Amino acid sequence: MRVNDISLKPKLLVLFLLVGLLPMTLVGWLGYEGFHSAILGTELKSFGQLKTAREIKKFWIETYFDERQRDINGLVEMVDITRTEAFN
């Protein structure tokens, strides 16, 4: 069967389907790509913010325990001084 043997109605139907589906497919693909890159960018930004928050919390926790260690060392020195003075 040749193209010339097909009536005009099926030819137009196929042509209109192709003309309609091609832009729709292109728009869908571009939308997907845009959405994918936006989600990926947001994900990377969020991960960076979480890493920063983790570092800040780590700093404050380490600072807290360093201060408590200094407090304990100070108390030990006071006990030693008190003990030394009490027995001399």
N, C-alpha and C. Protein backbone atom coordinates (compact mmCIF):
# COMPACT_ATOMS: atom_id res chain seq x y z
N MET A 1 0.85 -1.17 0.00
CA MET A 1 0.00 0.00 0.00
C MET A 1 0.89 1.23 0.00
N ARG A 2 0.63 2.14 -0.88
CA ARG A 2 1.42 3.36 -1.02
C ARG A 2 0.72 4.51 -0.32
N VAL A 3 1.46 5.57 -0.09
CA VAL A 3 0.93 6.75 0.59
C VAL A 3 -0.18 7.39 -0.25
N ASN A 4 -0.04 7.35 -1.55
CA ASN A 4 -1.04 7.96 -2.44
C ASN A 4 -2.37 7.20 -2.40
N ASP A 5 -2.35 5.94 -2.02
CA ASP A 5 -3.57 5.15 -1.98
C ASP A 5 -4.40 5.40 -0.71
N ILE A 6 -3.79 6.02 0.30
CA ILE A 6 -4.50 6.29 1.56
C ILE A 6 -5.33 7.56 1.39
N SER A 7 -6.53 7.54 1.95
CA SER A 7 -7.40 8.70 1.81
C SER A 7 -6.87 9.87 2.66
N LEU A 8 -7.43 11.02 2.45
CA LEU A 8 -6.97 12.25 3.09
C LEU A 8 -7.22 12.24 4.60
N LYS A 9 -8.32 11.67 5.05
CA LYS A 9 -8.68 11.68 6.47
C LYS A 9 -7.62 10.99 7.34
N PRO A 10 -7.16 9.79 7.07
CA PRO A 10 -6.10 9.16 7.89
C PRO A 10 -4.77 9.91 7.82
N LYS A 11 -4.47 10.48 6.62
CA LYS A 11 -3.23 11.24 6.49
C LYS A 11 -3.24 12.46 7.41
N LEU A 12 -4.38 13.18 7.40
CA LEU A 12 -4.48 14.36 8.25
C LEU A 12 -4.47 13.98 9.73
N LEU A 13 -5.13 12.90 10.06
CA LEU A 13 -5.15 12.44 11.45
C LEU A 13 -3.74 12.15 11.96
N VAL A 14 -2.96 11.43 11.20
CA VAL A 14 -1.58 11.12 11.59
C VAL A 14 -0.74 12.39 11.66
N LEU A 15 -0.91 13.28 10.71
CA LEU A 15 -0.16 14.54 10.69
C LEU A 15 -0.49 15.39 11.91
N PHE A 16 -1.78 15.54 12.22
CA PHE A 16 -2.18 16.34 13.38
C PHE A 16 -1.70 15.70 14.69
N LEU A 17 -1.73 14.37 14.78
CA LEU A 17 -1.22 13.70 15.97
C LEU A 17 0.26 13.97 16.15
N LEU A 18 1.02 13.87 15.07
CA LEU A 18 2.45 14.14 15.16
C LEU A 18 2.73 15.59 15.52
N VAL A 19 2.00 16.50 14.90
CA VAL A 19 2.19 17.93 15.17
C VAL A 19 1.81 18.26 16.61
N GLY A 20 0.82 17.60 17.17
CA GLY A 20 0.41 17.85 18.55
C GLY A 20 1.28 17.15 19.57
N LEU A 21 1.71 15.94 19.29
CA LEU A 21 2.49 15.17 20.25
C LEU A 21 3.94 15.66 20.37
N LEU A 22 4.50 16.13 19.28
CA LEU A 22 5.89 16.59 19.32
C LEU A 22 6.09 17.75 20.29
N PRO A 23 5.32 18.83 20.21
CA PRO A 23 5.52 19.92 21.19
C PRO A 23 5.17 19.50 22.61
N MET A 24 4.13 18.67 22.74
CA MET A 24 3.75 18.22 24.06
C MET A 24 4.86 17.39 24.69
N THR A 25 5.49 16.54 23.93
CA THR A 25 6.61 15.75 24.41
C THR A 25 7.79 16.64 24.78
N LEU A 26 8.07 17.61 23.95
CA LEU A 26 9.17 18.53 24.20
C LEU A 26 8.93 19.34 25.48
N VAL A 27 7.73 19.87 25.65
CA VAL A 27 7.39 20.64 26.84
C VAL A 27 7.47 19.74 28.09
N GLY A 28 7.00 18.54 27.98
CA GLY A 28 7.07 17.60 29.11
C GLY A 28 8.51 17.30 29.49
N TRP A 29 9.34 17.07 28.53
CA TRP A 29 10.75 16.77 28.80
C TRP A 29 11.45 17.98 29.42
N LEU A 30 11.20 19.18 28.88
CA LEU A 30 11.82 20.38 29.45
C LEU A 30 11.32 20.63 30.88
N GLY A 31 10.05 20.39 31.12
CA GLY A 31 9.51 20.54 32.47
C GLY A 31 10.15 19.56 33.44
N TYR A 32 10.32 18.34 33.00
CA TYR A 32 10.96 17.33 33.85
C TYR A 32 12.40 17.73 34.18
N GLU A 33 13.13 18.17 33.18
CA GLU A 33 14.52 18.58 33.39
C GLU A 33 14.61 19.76 34.35
N GLY A 34 13.73 20.73 34.19
CA GLY A 34 13.72 21.88 35.08
C GLY A 34 13.38 21.49 36.51
N PHE A 35 12.39 20.64 36.66
CA PHE A 35 11.99 20.16 37.98
C PHE A 35 13.12 19.37 38.63
N HIS A 36 13.75 18.50 37.85
CA HIS A 36 14.84 17.67 38.37
C HIS A 36 16.01 18.53 38.85
N SER A 37 16.40 19.52 38.06
CA SER A 37 17.52 20.36 38.46
C SER A 37 17.15 21.24 39.66
N ALA A 38 15.90 21.68 39.75
CA ALA A 38 15.47 22.48 40.90
C ALA A 38 15.49 21.65 42.18
N ILE A 39 15.01 20.43 42.11
CA ILE A 39 15.00 19.55 43.27
C ILE A 39 16.43 19.22 43.68
N LEU A 40 17.28 18.94 42.72
CA LEU A 40 18.67 18.62 43.03
C LEU A 40 19.37 19.81 43.68
N GLY A 41 19.12 21.02 43.17
CA GLY A 41 19.72 22.22 43.75
C GLY A 41 19.24 22.45 45.17
N THR A 42 17.97 22.25 45.41
CA THR A 42 17.40 22.42 46.75
C THR A 42 17.98 21.38 47.71
N GLU A 43 18.14 20.18 47.20
CA GLU A 43 18.67 19.10 48.03
C GLU A 43 20.11 19.41 48.44
N LEU A 44 20.91 19.89 47.51
CA LEU A 44 22.30 20.22 47.82
C LEU A 44 22.38 21.39 48.80
N LYS A 45 21.51 22.37 48.62
CA LYS A 45 21.48 23.53 49.53
C LYS A 45 21.10 23.07 50.94
N SER A 46 20.09 22.24 51.05
CA SER A 46 19.64 21.74 52.35
C SER A 46 20.74 20.93 53.02
N PHE A 47 21.44 20.12 52.25
CA PHE A 47 22.52 19.31 52.80
C PHE A 47 23.63 20.21 53.34
N GLY A 48 23.93 21.28 52.62
CA GLY A 48 24.94 22.23 53.07
C GLY A 48 24.53 22.91 54.37
N GLN A 49 23.26 23.27 54.47
CA GLN A 49 22.77 23.90 55.70
C GLN A 49 22.82 22.93 56.87
N LEU A 50 22.52 21.67 56.63
CA LEU A 50 22.59 20.68 57.70
C LEU A 50 24.03 20.48 58.18
N LYS A 51 24.97 20.48 57.24
CA LYS A 51 26.37 20.34 57.61
C LYS A 51 26.82 21.52 58.45
N THR A 52 26.40 22.72 58.08
CA THR A 52 26.76 23.92 58.84
C THR A 52 26.18 23.85 60.24
N ALA A 53 24.91 23.46 60.36
CA ALA A 53 24.27 23.33 61.67
C ALA A 53 25.00 22.30 62.52
N ARG A 54 25.41 21.21 61.90
CA ARG A 54 26.15 20.16 62.62
C ARG A 54 27.46 20.71 63.17
N GLU A 55 28.19 21.47 62.37
CA GLU A 55 29.46 22.03 62.81
C GLU A 55 29.27 23.02 63.96
N ILE A 56 28.23 23.84 63.88
CA ILE A 56 27.97 24.80 64.95
C ILE A 56 27.63 24.07 66.25
N LYS A 57 26.77 23.06 66.17
CA LYS A 57 26.41 22.31 67.37
C LYS A 57 27.62 21.57 67.94
N LYS A 58 28.45 21.04 67.07
CA LYS A 58 29.66 20.36 67.52
C LYS A 58 30.56 21.33 68.29
N PHE A 59 30.71 22.54 67.78
CA PHE A 59 31.54 23.55 68.44
C PHE A 59 31.00 23.86 69.83
N TRP A 60 29.67 24.07 69.92
CA TRP A 60 29.09 24.44 71.21
C TRP A 60 29.16 23.29 72.21
N ILE A 61 28.99 22.08 71.78
CA ILE A 61 29.08 20.92 72.68
C ILE A 61 30.52 20.76 73.18
N GLU A 62 31.49 20.88 72.27
CA GLU A 62 32.88 20.78 72.69
C GLU A 62 33.25 21.90 73.65
N THR A 63 32.77 23.11 73.39
CA THR A 63 33.03 24.23 74.28
C THR A 63 32.43 23.98 75.66
N TYR A 64 31.21 23.47 75.69
CA TYR A 64 30.55 23.18 76.96
C TYR A 64 31.37 22.19 77.79
N PHE A 65 31.81 21.09 77.17
CA PHE A 65 32.55 20.08 77.92
C PHE A 65 33.95 20.57 78.30
N ASP A 66 34.56 21.40 77.49
CA ASP A 66 35.84 22.00 77.88
C ASP A 66 35.67 22.87 79.12
N GLU A 67 34.61 23.66 79.17
CA GLU A 67 34.34 24.50 80.35
C GLU A 67 34.08 23.65 81.58
N ARG A 68 33.31 22.57 81.44
CA ARG A 68 33.05 21.70 82.59
C ARG A 68 34.35 21.05 83.06
N GLN A 69 35.23 20.68 82.14
CA GLN A 69 36.52 20.09 82.52
C GLN A 69 37.35 21.09 83.31
N ARG A 70 37.35 22.36 82.89
CA ARG A 70 38.06 23.40 83.63
C ARG A 70 37.43 23.60 85.01
N ASP A 71 36.11 23.55 85.10
CA ASP A 71 35.44 23.66 86.40
C ASP A 71 35.87 22.53 87.34
N ILE A 72 35.91 21.31 86.82
CA ILE A 72 36.31 20.16 87.63
C ILE A 72 37.75 20.32 88.08
N ASN A 73 38.63 20.74 87.17
CA ASN A 73 40.03 20.93 87.53
C ASN A 73 40.17 21.99 88.62
N GLY A 74 39.38 23.05 88.51
CA GLY A 74 39.40 24.09 89.55
C GLY A 74 38.94 23.55 90.90
N LEU A 75 37.90 22.74 90.90
CA LEU A 75 37.42 22.15 92.16
C LEU A 75 38.45 21.21 92.76
N VAL A 76 39.13 20.43 91.92
CA VAL A 76 40.17 19.52 92.41
C VAL A 76 41.29 20.32 93.06
N GLU A 77 41.68 21.42 92.44
CA GLU A 77 42.72 22.27 93.03
C GLU A 77 42.27 22.84 94.38
N MET A 78 41.02 23.26 94.46
CA MET A 78 40.51 23.81 95.72
C MET A 78 40.52 22.75 96.82
N VAL A 79 40.14 21.51 96.47
CA VAL A 79 40.16 20.42 97.45
C VAL A 79 41.58 20.16 97.89
N ASP A 80 42.52 20.13 96.96
CA ASP A 80 43.91 19.90 97.31
C ASP A 80 44.44 20.99 98.23
N ILE A 81 44.11 22.24 97.91
CA ILE A 81 44.57 23.35 98.74
C ILE A 81 43.95 23.26 100.13
N THR A 82 42.67 22.97 100.18
CA THR A 82 41.97 22.86 101.47
C THR A 82 42.57 21.72 102.29
N ARG A 83 42.82 20.60 101.67
CA ARG A 83 43.40 19.45 102.35
C ARG A 83 44.81 19.78 102.88
N THR A 84 45.59 20.45 102.05
CA THR A 84 46.94 20.80 102.44
C THR A 84 46.92 21.76 103.63
N GLU A 85 46.04 22.75 103.59
CA GLU A 85 45.95 23.72 104.67
C GLU A 85 45.38 23.09 105.96
N ALA A 86 44.51 22.15 105.81
CA ALA A 86 43.87 21.54 106.96
C ALA A 86 44.86 20.66 107.74
N PHE A 87 45.77 20.03 107.05
CA PHE A 87 46.69 19.11 107.70
C PHE A 87 48.04 19.75 108.01
N ASN A 88 48.23 21.01 107.76
CA ASN A 88 49.50 21.70 108.09
C ASN A 88 49.35 22.61 109.23
